[in-house]
Amino acid sequence: MSHEFDWTRLLGMQLWQLTLVILVVGLSAIFFRRSNPHLAYVLWLVVLTKALTPPLWVSNLSLLGNLSAPASWPASTLFTATEKSLPDTLAARRDSQPSRDTPAEIVSSGTTEQPMLSASNGNLANIGWIGLAQSIWLAGAAIFAGFSASIVYRRGRILQRTRVPTSVQLEAAVTRIAKQLGVRQRVQVIVTPEGLGPALCGLWRPTVILPQCILDDTTPADQDAILTHELVHLRRGDNLVAALQCVVQIVWWFHPLVWWANRRICILRERCCDQESICALAGSPSNYADCLLKVLSAKEKLQPVYGFPGVRTIHITAQRVKEIMTMSNTFHARTPVWCWATALLTAVFLLPGAYVPSTTVAIAQEQSSDAKNRNGSKRKSTSSKQLLLKYGDGKPDGKKSIAGTGEMIRFELPGEAGRIRAIKVHGSRYGHPRAPKEDVEVTLLSEDMTETLHTELVPYSLFKRLKKARWTFVPFKEPVEMPKTFWVVLNFNAERTKGVFVSYDTSTKGEYSRVGTSEEDAQETKFDGDWMVQVLLAK
């Protein structure tokens, strides 16, 4: 069930991350919604981007990435699942202190018919709940998408059926204002007696929709203000953002904060457009506000065009008119560059979420495939074992970082040979907050330390900078075939400002551990303990 579980966890992580981003941006935008609506608007665009950006990668600057430690994913998805599938007697045996006569404790998860039946029932129950949740989400998204598409289709048919000829003066005004605003796209105008608009529609063929009642009750100067407002929407790319909002609303139809975020975006978009329109008209804000009030007076005759930006009567409020009247010289002709830079910086901190290494996913899928094979075909009584080699009682008695060399620990397989697919290291990174952009060397040596059997490079960022050490799962790209006895060598290239403290356990007196990286520099440890390193073997 790892595949379904991983997707469920990914969606759950996206849900709480998006919720947190909406709350953070919403609180931040409160301080800018009046003094600088452009900044508040571009911050909300980060929310839209986050809504369609799943947490598939992490960066050193990511705030959400630090809250969603990728190194903890394998430990929770793989090892927890393995522990839950163990019989109680074997789990108790694994947690007990090893015999001093045994070089390394071997923890095996044997499968019997009865535990597999109970585990299968639990898996089926979880899969059933996951399937139900997916069905509800798909049904809601389909209903919302169908509802939105039907409204757009019906309005389009009405416009095509009821459109009236456009005057030459109006066409000339659109061409003149578009040239003045620097809009290079060809814009068509549709005048309708149905009371739809004013609005800007279309992504590839932008169209300004004007209701006949507005044209009858306004002067040419007022019409220029309305056309300027709609063409500023086009210059700003608000029609593209509106389409993106529809997609986000379909995907997150169940999330109330997404509905609230979309409403805030619409309100701020109109305020930004007001500022840019007044600047383009080079007139007084009072004349522009008077034009909005004339549109408001036709409220009973007008209907908004669903899903598209425009002069909506629902957004013409006393507060908006008051802000227009008091703008003076505080408005912007375009969104300032520093606002976009702030949004980009915010995106760098908030968009990356987490990343599951492909090797870890492969291990999880392999484990899932093994479980399905064992649960199928009448459940033959086969013993599929997964072995974990470890020393000591699992309780750290101290920690050390070895500068200029590394940590070495010897293991012995239960058979003559076996395959290693991962190791676990109990420790924590120190030094600079940002992890070095370099790799840690995990080397496997022969029993006499003279032959390098394998070298695995893993990113330094896998180890988290923490005050308290913890287990870090280090997967190998491919399982490595090993002889009966071998050494695991960790080389962090440690120094004063970077490195990893590795915990040690004194319950085994340190007879299996050394300090060094090869036969030439291997030395006895001075703390009479063994490094807390474990080896996970493939089946």
Protein backbone atom coordinates (compact mmCIF):
# COMPACT_ATOMS: atom_id res chain seq x y z
CA MET A 1 0.00 0.00 0.00
CA SER A 2 3.02 2.31 -0.10
CA HIS A 3 2.00 3.80 -3.40
CA GLU A 4 -1.45 4.88 -2.16
CA PHE A 5 0.01 5.97 1.17
CA ASP A 6 2.65 8.12 -0.48
CA TRP A 7 0.06 9.90 -2.61
CA THR A 8 -2.18 10.40 0.41
CA ARG A 9 0.70 11.86 2.38
CA LEU A 10 1.68 14.11 -0.54
CA LEU A 11 -1.86 15.48 -0.83
CA GLY A 12 -2.11 15.92 2.93
CA MET A 13 1.15 17.85 2.96
CA GLN A 14 -0.07 20.05 0.10
CA LEU A 15 -3.31 20.72 1.99
CA TRP A 16 -1.71 21.99 5.19
CA GLN A 17 1.01 23.88 3.34
CA LEU A 18 -1.53 25.70 1.14
CA THR A 19 -3.65 26.50 4.18
CA LEU A 20 -0.63 27.94 5.99
CA VAL A 21 0.42 29.98 2.93
CA ILE A 22 -3.08 31.46 2.57
CA LEU A 23 -3.14 32.45 6.24
CA VAL A 24 0.35 33.97 6.13
CA VAL A 25 -0.29 35.91 2.90
CA GLY A 26 -3.76 36.92 4.05
CA LEU A 27 -2.42 38.41 7.28
CA SER A 28 0.45 40.12 5.43
CA ALA A 29 -1.84 41.56 2.73
CA ILE A 30 -3.97 43.25 5.39
CA PHE A 31 -1.23 45.83 5.89
CA PHE A 32 -0.93 46.61 2.16
CA ARG A 33 -4.47 46.30 0.78
CA ARG A 34 -5.07 50.08 1.01
CA SER A 35 -1.62 51.66 0.96
CA ASN A 36 -0.26 49.38 -1.78
CA PRO A 37 -2.83 47.04 -3.37
CA HIS A 38 -0.27 46.08 -6.04
CA LEU A 39 1.95 44.41 -3.44
CA ALA A 40 -1.01 42.65 -1.81
CA TYR A 41 -2.18 41.43 -5.23
CA VAL A 42 1.15 39.89 -6.30
CA LEU A 43 1.43 38.16 -2.92
CA TRP A 44 -1.94 36.55 -3.57
CA LEU A 45 -0.61 35.41 -6.95
CA VAL A 46 1.97 33.41 -4.98
CA VAL A 47 -0.95 31.66 -3.29
CA LEU A 48 -2.44 30.74 -6.68
CA THR A 49 0.90 29.34 -7.78
CA LYS A 50 1.26 27.35 -4.57
CA ALA A 51 -2.22 25.87 -5.04
CA LEU A 52 -1.02 24.21 -8.26
CA THR A 53 2.54 23.43 -7.10
CA PRO A 54 2.72 20.15 -5.16
CA PRO A 55 5.55 19.74 -2.62
CA LEU A 56 7.87 17.75 -4.86
CA TRP A 57 11.15 19.51 -4.12
CA VAL A 58 12.91 21.29 -1.28
CA SER A 59 15.50 24.04 -1.15
CA ASN A 60 17.76 25.30 1.61
CA LEU A 61 15.75 28.55 1.68
CA SER A 62 12.38 26.85 1.90
CA LEU A 63 10.48 27.55 5.11
CA LEU A 64 7.93 24.82 4.35
CA GLY A 65 10.74 22.44 3.45
CA ASN A 66 12.19 22.81 6.95
CA LEU A 67 8.78 22.06 8.43
CA SER A 68 8.46 19.00 6.15
CA ALA A 69 11.82 17.33 6.70
CA PRO A 70 12.35 15.05 3.71
CA ALA A 71 14.75 12.87 5.69
CA SER A 72 11.90 11.85 7.95
CA TRP A 73 9.75 10.54 5.12
CA PRO A 74 11.54 7.24 4.60
CA ALA A 75 11.77 6.57 8.33
CA SER A 76 8.06 7.06 8.81
CA THR A 77 6.81 5.38 5.63
CA LEU A 78 9.17 2.41 5.52
CA PHE A 79 10.34 1.60 9.02
CA THR A 80 7.05 2.34 10.73
CA ALA A 81 5.27 0.11 8.26
CA THR A 82 7.82 -2.65 8.91
CA GLU A 83 7.45 -2.32 12.67
CA LYS A 84 3.67 -2.52 12.48
CA SER A 85 3.86 -5.69 10.44
CA LEU A 86 6.08 -7.42 13.00
CA PRO A 87 4.51 -9.93 15.38
CA ASP A 88 4.53 -8.67 18.95
CA THR A 89 7.09 -11.22 20.09
CA LEU A 90 9.56 -10.30 17.34
CA ALA A 91 9.09 -6.57 17.95
CA ALA A 92 9.82 -7.10 21.64
CA ARG A 93 12.89 -9.14 20.78
CA ARG A 94 14.14 -6.43 18.47
CA ASP A 95 13.91 -3.73 21.14
CA SER A 96 15.68 -5.80 23.80
CA GLN A 97 19.41 -5.44 24.55
CA PRO A 98 21.61 -7.71 22.40
CA SER A 99 23.79 -10.51 23.72
CA ARG A 100 27.43 -9.57 24.22
CA ASP A 101 28.41 -12.77 22.42
CA THR A 102 26.62 -11.70 19.24
CA PRO A 103 28.49 -9.13 17.10
CA ALA A 104 25.31 -7.57 15.76
CA GLU A 105 21.66 -8.11 16.53
CA ILE A 106 19.63 -9.42 13.62
CA VAL A 107 16.04 -8.19 13.54
CA SER A 108 13.93 -10.23 11.15
CA SER A 109 10.32 -9.73 10.15
CA GLY A 110 8.99 -13.18 9.43
CA THR A 111 5.55 -13.47 7.93
CA THR A 112 2.97 -16.03 8.96
CA GLU A 113 -0.46 -16.61 7.59
CA GLN A 114 -2.52 -15.08 10.40
CA PRO A 115 -0.62 -11.72 10.72
CA MET A 116 -0.71 -11.29 6.96
CA LEU A 117 -4.49 -11.76 6.93
CA SER A 118 -5.01 -9.07 9.58
CA ALA A 119 -2.57 -6.69 7.88
CA SER A 120 -4.36 -7.22 4.59
CA ASN A 121 -7.71 -6.34 6.14
CA GLY A 122 -6.25 -3.12 7.55
CA ASN A 123 -4.74 -2.22 4.21
CA LEU A 124 -8.00 -2.85 2.41
CA ALA A 125 -9.82 -0.64 4.92
CA ASN A 126 -7.33 2.19 4.39
CA ILE A 127 -7.48 1.79 0.63
CA GLY A 128 -11.27 1.89 0.87
CA TRP A 129 -11.21 5.21 2.71
CA ILE A 130 -8.68 6.62 0.27
CA GLY A 131 -10.80 5.51 -2.68
CA LEU A 132 -13.91 7.08 -1.12
CA ALA A 133 -12.12 10.41 -0.56
CA GLN A 134 -10.81 10.38 -4.13
CA SER A 135 -14.29 9.67 -5.48
CA ILE A 136 -15.81 12.54 -3.48
CA TRP A 137 -13.10 14.93 -4.67
CA LEU A 138 -13.45 13.87 -8.31
CA ALA A 139 -17.23 14.20 -8.14
CA GLY A 140 -17.03 17.67 -6.62
CA ALA A 141 -14.41 18.83 -9.13
CA ALA A 142 -16.44 17.45 -12.04
CA ILE A 143 -19.64 19.12 -10.81
CA PHE A 144 -17.91 22.47 -10.29
CA ALA A 145 -16.11 22.28 -13.65
CA GLY A 146 -19.32 21.35 -15.43
CA PHE A 147 -21.23 24.16 -13.69
CA SER A 148 -18.56 26.72 -14.65
CA ALA A 149 -18.36 25.52 -18.24
CA SER A 150 -22.14 25.59 -18.64
CA ILE A 151 -22.36 29.19 -17.41
CA VAL A 152 -19.59 30.34 -19.75
CA TYR A 153 -21.19 28.46 -22.66
CA ARG A 154 -24.66 29.87 -22.04
CA ARG A 155 -23.37 33.43 -21.69
CA GLY A 156 -21.37 33.03 -24.89
CA ARG A 157 -24.43 31.83 -26.79
CA ILE A 158 -26.47 34.75 -25.45
CA LEU A 159 -23.81 37.24 -26.53
CA GLN A 160 -23.56 35.81 -30.03
CA ARG A 161 -27.35 35.73 -30.43
CA THR A 162 -28.15 39.19 -29.04
CA ARG A 163 -25.12 41.26 -30.05
CA VAL A 164 -25.86 44.54 -31.83
CA PRO A 165 -23.69 46.36 -34.38
CA THR A 166 -20.85 48.36 -32.87
CA SER A 167 -20.57 52.02 -33.79
CA VAL A 168 -17.57 53.31 -35.71
CA GLN A 169 -16.84 55.78 -32.91
CA LEU A 170 -16.67 52.98 -30.33
CA GLU A 171 -14.35 50.88 -32.51
CA ALA A 172 -12.11 53.89 -33.03
CA ALA A 173 -12.05 54.57 -29.27
CA VAL A 174 -10.96 51.00 -28.55
CA THR A 175 -8.15 51.22 -31.12
CA ARG A 176 -7.00 54.59 -29.80
CA ILE A 177 -6.98 53.56 -26.13
CA ALA A 178 -5.30 50.23 -26.86
CA LYS A 179 -2.50 52.04 -28.71
CA GLN A 180 -2.18 54.52 -25.86
CA LEU A 181 -1.87 51.68 -23.29
CA GLY A 182 0.61 49.72 -25.38
CA VAL A 183 -1.78 46.80 -25.97
CA ARG A 184 -0.67 45.07 -29.17
CA GLN A 185 -3.38 42.43 -29.34
CA ARG A 186 -6.36 43.06 -31.57
CA VAL A 187 -9.38 43.67 -29.35
CA GLN A 188 -12.96 43.26 -30.50
CA VAL A 189 -16.01 44.82 -28.87
CA ILE A 190 -19.39 43.21 -28.34
CA VAL A 191 -22.36 45.38 -27.41
CA THR A 192 -25.32 43.50 -25.96
CA PRO A 193 -28.79 44.57 -24.80
CA GLU A 194 -28.82 41.72 -22.23
CA GLY A 195 -27.07 43.74 -19.54
CA LEU A 196 -23.94 41.59 -19.42
CA GLY A 197 -20.70 43.31 -18.41
CA PRO A 198 -18.74 45.48 -18.61
CA ALA A 199 -16.10 42.72 -18.78
CA LEU A 200 -13.02 41.46 -20.60
CA CYS A 201 -13.35 37.93 -22.03
CA GLY A 202 -11.15 35.59 -23.99
CA LEU A 203 -7.57 34.39 -23.72
CA TRP A 204 -6.56 34.14 -27.39
CA ARG A 205 -9.15 36.56 -28.82
CA PRO A 206 -9.67 39.24 -26.15
CA THR A 207 -13.13 40.77 -26.27
CA VAL A 208 -14.60 43.73 -24.38
CA ILE A 209 -18.28 43.24 -23.55
CA LEU A 210 -20.33 46.40 -23.07
CA PRO A 211 -24.02 46.54 -22.12
CA GLN A 212 -26.17 48.81 -24.28
CA CYS A 213 -27.72 50.46 -21.20
CA ILE A 214 -24.31 51.77 -20.12
CA LEU A 215 -23.62 53.27 -23.54
CA ASP A 216 -27.02 54.97 -23.55
CA ASP A 217 -26.53 56.62 -20.13
CA THR A 218 -22.88 57.73 -20.36
CA THR A 219 -20.88 60.36 -22.18
CA PRO A 220 -17.96 59.58 -24.55
CA ALA A 221 -15.58 60.54 -21.73
CA ASP A 222 -17.24 58.02 -19.42
CA GLN A 223 -17.06 55.38 -22.14
CA ASP A 224 -13.35 56.07 -22.52
CA ALA A 225 -12.92 55.47 -18.78
CA ILE A 226 -14.81 52.14 -18.97
CA LEU A 227 -12.84 51.01 -22.04
CA THR A 228 -9.58 52.06 -20.40
CA HIS A 229 -10.44 50.01 -17.33
CA GLU A 230 -11.12 46.88 -19.41
CA LEU A 231 -8.01 47.30 -21.58
CA VAL A 232 -5.85 47.84 -18.50
CA HIS A 233 -7.12 44.44 -17.35
CA LEU A 234 -5.84 43.05 -20.65
CA ARG A 235 -2.46 44.77 -20.35
CA ARG A 236 -2.05 43.44 -16.82
CA GLY A 237 -2.87 39.88 -17.90
CA ASP A 238 -5.85 39.71 -15.55
CA ASN A 239 -7.76 37.49 -17.99
CA LEU A 240 -5.02 34.87 -17.61
CA VAL A 241 -5.09 35.16 -13.82
CA ALA A 242 -8.89 34.81 -13.85
CA ALA A 243 -8.56 31.57 -15.83
CA LEU A 244 -5.97 30.34 -13.33
CA GLN A 245 -8.38 31.18 -10.51
CA CYS A 246 -11.05 29.00 -12.13
CA VAL A 247 -8.63 26.06 -12.31
CA VAL A 248 -7.59 26.52 -8.68
CA GLN A 249 -11.22 26.75 -7.60
CA ILE A 250 -12.06 23.51 -9.40
CA VAL A 251 -9.14 21.65 -7.83
CA TRP A 252 -9.73 23.04 -4.33
CA TRP A 253 -13.52 23.31 -4.43
CA PHE A 254 -13.78 21.93 -0.89
CA HIS A 255 -11.36 24.42 0.73
CA PRO A 256 -13.11 27.51 2.18
CA LEU A 257 -9.88 29.50 2.42
CA VAL A 258 -9.32 29.08 -1.33
CA TRP A 259 -12.75 30.62 -1.96
CA TRP A 260 -11.81 33.48 0.34
CA ALA A 261 -8.44 33.93 -1.38
CA ASN A 262 -10.08 34.12 -4.82
CA ARG A 263 -12.47 36.77 -3.58
CA ARG A 264 -9.61 38.84 -2.17
CA ILE A 265 -7.76 38.55 -5.49
CA CYS A 266 -10.80 39.87 -7.39
CA ILE A 267 -11.19 42.85 -5.06
CA LEU A 268 -7.50 43.77 -5.14
CA ARG A 269 -7.37 43.34 -8.91
CA GLU A 270 -10.05 46.01 -9.32
CA ARG A 271 -8.21 48.39 -7.00
CA CYS A 272 -4.97 47.95 -8.93
CA CYS A 273 -6.83 48.47 -12.19
CA ASP A 274 -8.42 51.65 -10.80
CA GLN A 275 -4.99 53.12 -10.08
CA GLU A 276 -3.57 52.26 -13.50
CA SER A 277 -6.71 53.49 -15.29
CA ILE A 278 -6.65 56.87 -13.56
CA CYS A 279 -2.99 57.26 -14.46
CA ALA A 280 -3.67 56.32 -18.10
CA LEU A 281 -6.62 58.72 -18.37
CA ALA A 282 -4.53 61.56 -16.92
CA GLY A 283 -7.71 62.94 -15.40
CA SER A 284 -8.93 63.57 -11.89
CA PRO A 285 -9.87 60.63 -9.66
CA SER A 286 -13.24 62.26 -9.00
CA ASN A 287 -14.25 61.97 -12.67
CA TYR A 288 -13.31 58.29 -12.66
CA ALA A 289 -15.25 57.71 -9.43
CA ASP A 290 -18.26 59.47 -10.97
CA CYS A 291 -18.10 57.04 -13.90
CA LEU A 292 -18.13 54.07 -11.48
CA LEU A 293 -21.20 55.52 -9.77
CA LYS A 294 -22.98 55.70 -13.12
CA VAL A 295 -22.23 52.03 -13.63
CA LEU A 296 -23.54 51.38 -10.11
CA SER A 297 -26.79 53.19 -10.93
CA ALA A 298 -27.47 50.56 -13.60
CA LYS A 299 -27.00 47.75 -11.05
CA GLU A 300 -30.49 46.28 -11.55
CA LYS A 301 -29.88 45.97 -15.30
CA LEU A 302 -26.35 44.52 -15.21
CA GLN A 303 -25.03 41.00 -14.68
CA PRO A 304 -21.36 40.07 -14.18
CA VAL A 305 -19.72 37.85 -16.78
CA TYR A 306 -18.78 34.77 -14.77
CA GLY A 307 -15.05 34.01 -14.52
CA PHE A 308 -13.79 37.17 -16.25
CA PRO A 309 -12.46 40.49 -14.94
CA GLY A 310 -14.46 43.65 -15.38
CA VAL A 311 -16.30 46.53 -13.71
CA ARG A 312 -18.49 44.50 -11.36
CA THR A 313 -21.19 46.37 -9.49
CA ILE A 314 -20.69 44.08 -6.49
CA HIS A 315 -17.18 45.47 -6.12
CA ILE A 316 -18.21 49.15 -6.38
CA THR A 317 -18.40 49.98 -2.70
CA ALA A 318 -18.26 53.21 -0.72
CA GLN A 319 -14.77 52.24 0.48
CA ARG A 320 -13.54 51.78 -3.08
CA VAL A 321 -14.94 55.14 -4.18
CA LYS A 322 -13.42 56.81 -1.11
CA GLU A 323 -10.00 55.32 -1.87
CA ILE A 324 -10.21 56.56 -5.47
CA MET A 325 -11.11 60.06 -4.33
CA THR A 326 -8.11 60.20 -1.94
CA MET A 327 -5.50 58.63 -4.23
CA SER A 328 -3.86 61.92 -5.30
CA ASN A 329 -0.28 61.00 -6.24
CA THR A 330 -0.06 57.70 -4.38
CA PHE A 331 -1.20 55.47 -7.25
CA HIS A 332 1.01 53.56 -9.70
CA ALA A 333 0.77 53.47 -13.49
CA ARG A 334 1.94 49.84 -13.41
CA THR A 335 2.80 47.29 -10.76
CA PRO A 336 6.22 48.43 -9.43
CA VAL A 337 9.20 46.17 -10.11
CA TRP A 338 9.99 45.93 -6.41
CA CYS A 339 6.54 44.39 -5.82
CA TRP A 340 7.32 41.61 -8.32
CA ALA A 341 10.74 41.15 -6.68
CA THR A 342 9.04 40.80 -3.29
CA ALA A 343 6.62 38.24 -4.71
CA LEU A 344 9.49 36.28 -6.27
CA LEU A 345 11.37 36.24 -2.98
CA THR A 346 8.23 35.11 -1.17
CA ALA A 347 7.76 32.32 -3.71
CA VAL A 348 11.33 31.14 -3.11
CA PHE A 349 10.54 30.74 0.59
CA LEU A 350 7.01 29.30 0.26
CA LEU A 351 6.73 27.26 -2.94
CA PRO A 352 9.23 24.43 -2.31
CA GLY A 353 7.74 21.87 0.04
CA ALA A 354 9.50 18.51 0.18
CA TYR A 355 11.08 15.87 -2.03
CA VAL A 356 11.04 12.10 -1.75
CA PRO A 357 14.22 10.73 -3.38
CA SER A 358 13.54 8.37 -6.26
CA THR A 359 15.52 5.63 -4.54
CA THR A 360 13.27 5.89 -1.50
CA VAL A 361 10.17 5.67 -3.66
CA ALA A 362 11.62 2.62 -5.38
CA ILE A 363 12.19 0.96 -2.01
CA ALA A 364 8.65 1.75 -0.89
CA GLN A 365 7.19 0.41 -4.12
CA GLU A 366 9.33 -2.70 -3.88
CA GLN A 367 8.09 -3.28 -0.34
CA SER A 368 4.50 -2.75 -1.49
CA SER A 369 4.96 -5.20 -4.36
CA ASP A 370 6.43 -7.80 -1.99
CA ALA A 371 3.49 -7.42 0.38
CA LYS A 372 0.95 -7.79 -2.43
CA ASN A 373 2.68 -10.88 -3.72
CA ARG A 374 2.63 -12.42 -0.25
CA ASN A 375 -1.04 -11.55 0.26
CA GLY A 376 -2.13 -13.01 -3.09
CA SER A 377 -2.41 -16.54 -4.42
CA LYS A 378 -3.93 -18.24 -1.34
CA ARG A 379 -1.12 -16.96 0.97
CA LYS A 380 1.43 -19.68 0.80
CA SER A 381 3.43 -20.10 3.94
CA THR A 382 6.64 -18.45 2.75
CA SER A 383 8.99 -16.53 5.02
CA SER A 384 9.95 -13.20 3.46
CA LYS A 385 12.53 -11.64 5.77
CA GLN A 386 13.90 -8.14 6.05
CA LEU A 387 17.01 -7.89 8.22
CA LEU A 388 18.22 -4.94 10.24
CA LEU A 389 21.75 -5.17 11.62
CA LYS A 390 22.46 -3.03 14.65
CA TYR A 391 24.49 -2.83 17.88
CA GLY A 392 23.69 -1.84 21.42
CA ASP A 393 20.50 -0.95 23.20
CA GLY A 394 19.61 1.96 20.89
CA LYS A 395 20.23 4.60 23.58
CA PRO A 396 22.93 7.19 22.77
CA ASP A 397 25.55 7.73 25.47
CA GLY A 398 27.31 10.57 23.67
CA LYS A 399 28.17 11.98 20.26
CA LYS A 400 31.28 13.00 18.36
CA SER A 401 32.34 14.58 15.12
CA ILE A 402 35.63 13.42 13.61
CA ALA A 403 37.39 16.20 11.70
CA GLY A 404 39.70 15.21 8.89
CA THR A 405 38.69 11.55 8.94
CA GLY A 406 35.56 9.45 9.42
CA GLU A 407 33.56 6.93 11.43
CA MET A 408 34.03 3.19 10.79
CA ILE A 409 31.92 0.28 12.04
CA ARG A 410 32.09 -3.45 11.22
CA PHE A 411 29.10 -5.68 10.49
CA GLU A 412 28.68 -9.38 9.92
CA LEU A 413 25.88 -10.83 7.80
CA PRO A 414 23.83 -13.79 9.03
CA GLY A 415 24.74 -15.69 5.85
CA GLU A 416 27.75 -15.88 3.60
CA ALA A 417 26.58 -12.91 1.51
CA GLY A 418 23.75 -10.41 1.28
CA ARG A 419 22.61 -7.15 -0.25
CA ILE A 420 22.54 -3.76 1.48
CA ARG A 421 19.92 -1.27 0.38
CA ALA A 422 20.15 1.43 3.05
CA ILE A 423 21.75 2.49 6.32
CA LYS A 424 20.52 4.53 9.28
CA VAL A 425 22.71 7.03 11.12
CA HIS A 426 21.84 8.52 14.52
CA GLY A 427 23.17 12.06 14.54
CA SER A 428 22.64 15.70 13.65
CA ARG A 429 24.36 18.32 11.53
CA TYR A 430 26.13 21.35 13.02
CA GLY A 431 27.76 24.49 11.64
CA HIS A 432 26.10 26.94 9.25
CA PRO A 433 22.29 26.87 9.05
CA ARG A 434 22.43 26.09 5.34
CA ALA A 435 23.68 22.64 4.49
CA PRO A 436 26.88 22.55 2.40
CA LYS A 437 26.28 21.91 -1.27
CA GLU A 438 28.37 18.76 -1.28
CA ASP A 439 28.01 15.05 -0.80
CA VAL A 440 28.72 12.74 2.12
CA GLU A 441 30.75 9.64 1.26
CA VAL A 442 29.40 6.31 2.50
CA THR A 443 32.06 3.70 1.73
CA LEU A 444 31.82 -0.06 2.19
CA LEU A 445 35.17 -1.80 2.78
CA SER A 446 36.17 -5.45 2.90
CA GLU A 447 36.88 -7.19 6.22
CA ASP A 448 40.61 -6.39 6.06
CA MET A 449 39.88 -2.79 4.91
CA THR A 450 42.08 -3.19 1.83
CA GLU A 451 39.33 -3.26 -0.80
CA THR A 452 36.65 -0.67 -1.50
CA LEU A 453 33.48 -2.60 -2.26
CA HIS A 454 31.15 0.33 -2.91
CA THR A 455 30.91 4.12 -2.50
CA GLU A 456 27.56 5.89 -2.17
CA LEU A 457 27.28 9.69 -2.40
CA VAL A 458 24.38 11.27 -0.53
CA PRO A 459 23.56 15.00 -0.17
CA TYR A 460 24.69 16.74 2.99
CA SER A 461 21.22 18.28 3.31
CA LEU A 462 19.84 14.84 4.17
CA PHE A 463 21.15 15.38 7.71
CA LYS A 464 19.19 18.02 9.60
CA ARG A 465 20.72 20.71 11.81
CA LEU A 466 19.21 19.91 15.22
CA LYS A 467 20.17 20.21 18.87
CA LYS A 468 18.98 16.68 19.55
CA ALA A 469 20.26 13.83 17.37
CA ARG A 470 17.84 11.60 15.50
CA TRP A 471 17.84 8.70 13.06
CA THR A 472 18.44 9.64 9.43
CA PHE A 473 17.57 7.18 6.70
CA VAL A 474 20.22 6.97 3.95
CA PRO A 475 18.95 4.96 0.95
CA PHE A 476 21.25 3.47 -1.68
CA LYS A 477 20.47 3.95 -5.34
CA GLU A 478 20.64 0.20 -5.89
CA PRO A 479 21.06 -2.74 -3.47
CA VAL A 480 24.76 -3.61 -3.07
CA GLU A 481 26.00 -7.21 -2.85
CA MET A 482 28.29 -7.66 0.17
CA PRO A 483 30.45 -10.45 1.64
CA LYS A 484 29.83 -11.88 5.11
CA THR A 485 31.96 -9.29 6.97
CA PHE A 486 32.44 -5.69 5.91
CA TRP A 487 33.00 -2.16 7.21
CA VAL A 488 30.73 0.89 6.84
CA VAL A 489 32.72 4.14 6.64
CA LEU A 490 31.14 7.60 6.98
CA ASN A 491 33.19 10.55 5.73
CA PHE A 492 31.55 13.94 6.29
CA ASN A 493 34.74 15.91 5.53
CA ALA A 494 34.05 17.59 8.85
CA GLU A 495 35.63 20.80 10.07
CA ARG A 496 34.84 23.48 12.62
CA THR A 497 31.97 25.10 10.67
CA LYS A 498 30.45 21.99 9.12
CA GLY A 499 29.99 18.36 10.00
CA VAL A 500 27.71 15.79 11.59
CA PHE A 501 27.73 14.63 15.20
CA VAL A 502 27.31 10.84 15.18
CA SER A 503 25.97 9.25 18.36
CA TYR A 504 27.67 6.30 20.04
CA ASP A 505 26.49 3.56 22.38
CA THR A 506 28.80 2.20 25.11
CA SER A 507 26.79 -0.97 25.82
CA THR A 508 29.00 -3.00 23.42
CA LYS A 509 32.35 -1.52 24.65
CA GLY A 510 33.38 -0.27 21.20
CA GLU A 511 34.86 -3.48 19.87
CA TYR A 512 33.30 -3.05 16.41
CA SER A 513 34.03 0.63 15.74
CA ARG A 514 37.08 2.58 14.63
CA VAL A 515 38.01 6.14 13.75
CA GLY A 516 39.34 6.58 10.22
CA THR A 517 38.54 5.91 6.58
CA SER A 518 40.96 3.10 5.59
CA GLU A 519 43.38 0.50 6.92
CA GLU A 520 46.22 3.07 7.10
CA ASP A 521 44.53 5.53 9.46
CA ALA A 522 42.10 3.28 11.38
CA GLN A 523 42.39 3.83 15.15
CA GLU A 524 40.60 2.62 18.26
CA THR A 525 37.81 4.83 19.58
CA LYS A 526 38.48 6.71 22.82
CA PHE A 527 34.92 6.57 24.12
CA ASP A 528 34.63 2.75 24.49
CA GLY A 529 31.49 2.59 22.41
CA ASP A 530 30.16 1.80 18.96
CA TRP A 531 28.81 4.27 16.43
CA MET A 532 25.01 4.23 16.23
CA VAL A 533 24.79 3.06 12.64
CA GLN A 534 22.38 0.41 11.39
CA VAL A 535 22.29 -1.55 8.12
CA LEU A 536 19.10 -2.49 6.30
CA LEU A 537 19.48 -5.57 4.10
CA ALA A 538 17.47 -6.38 1.03
CA LYS A 539 15.44 -9.59 0.96
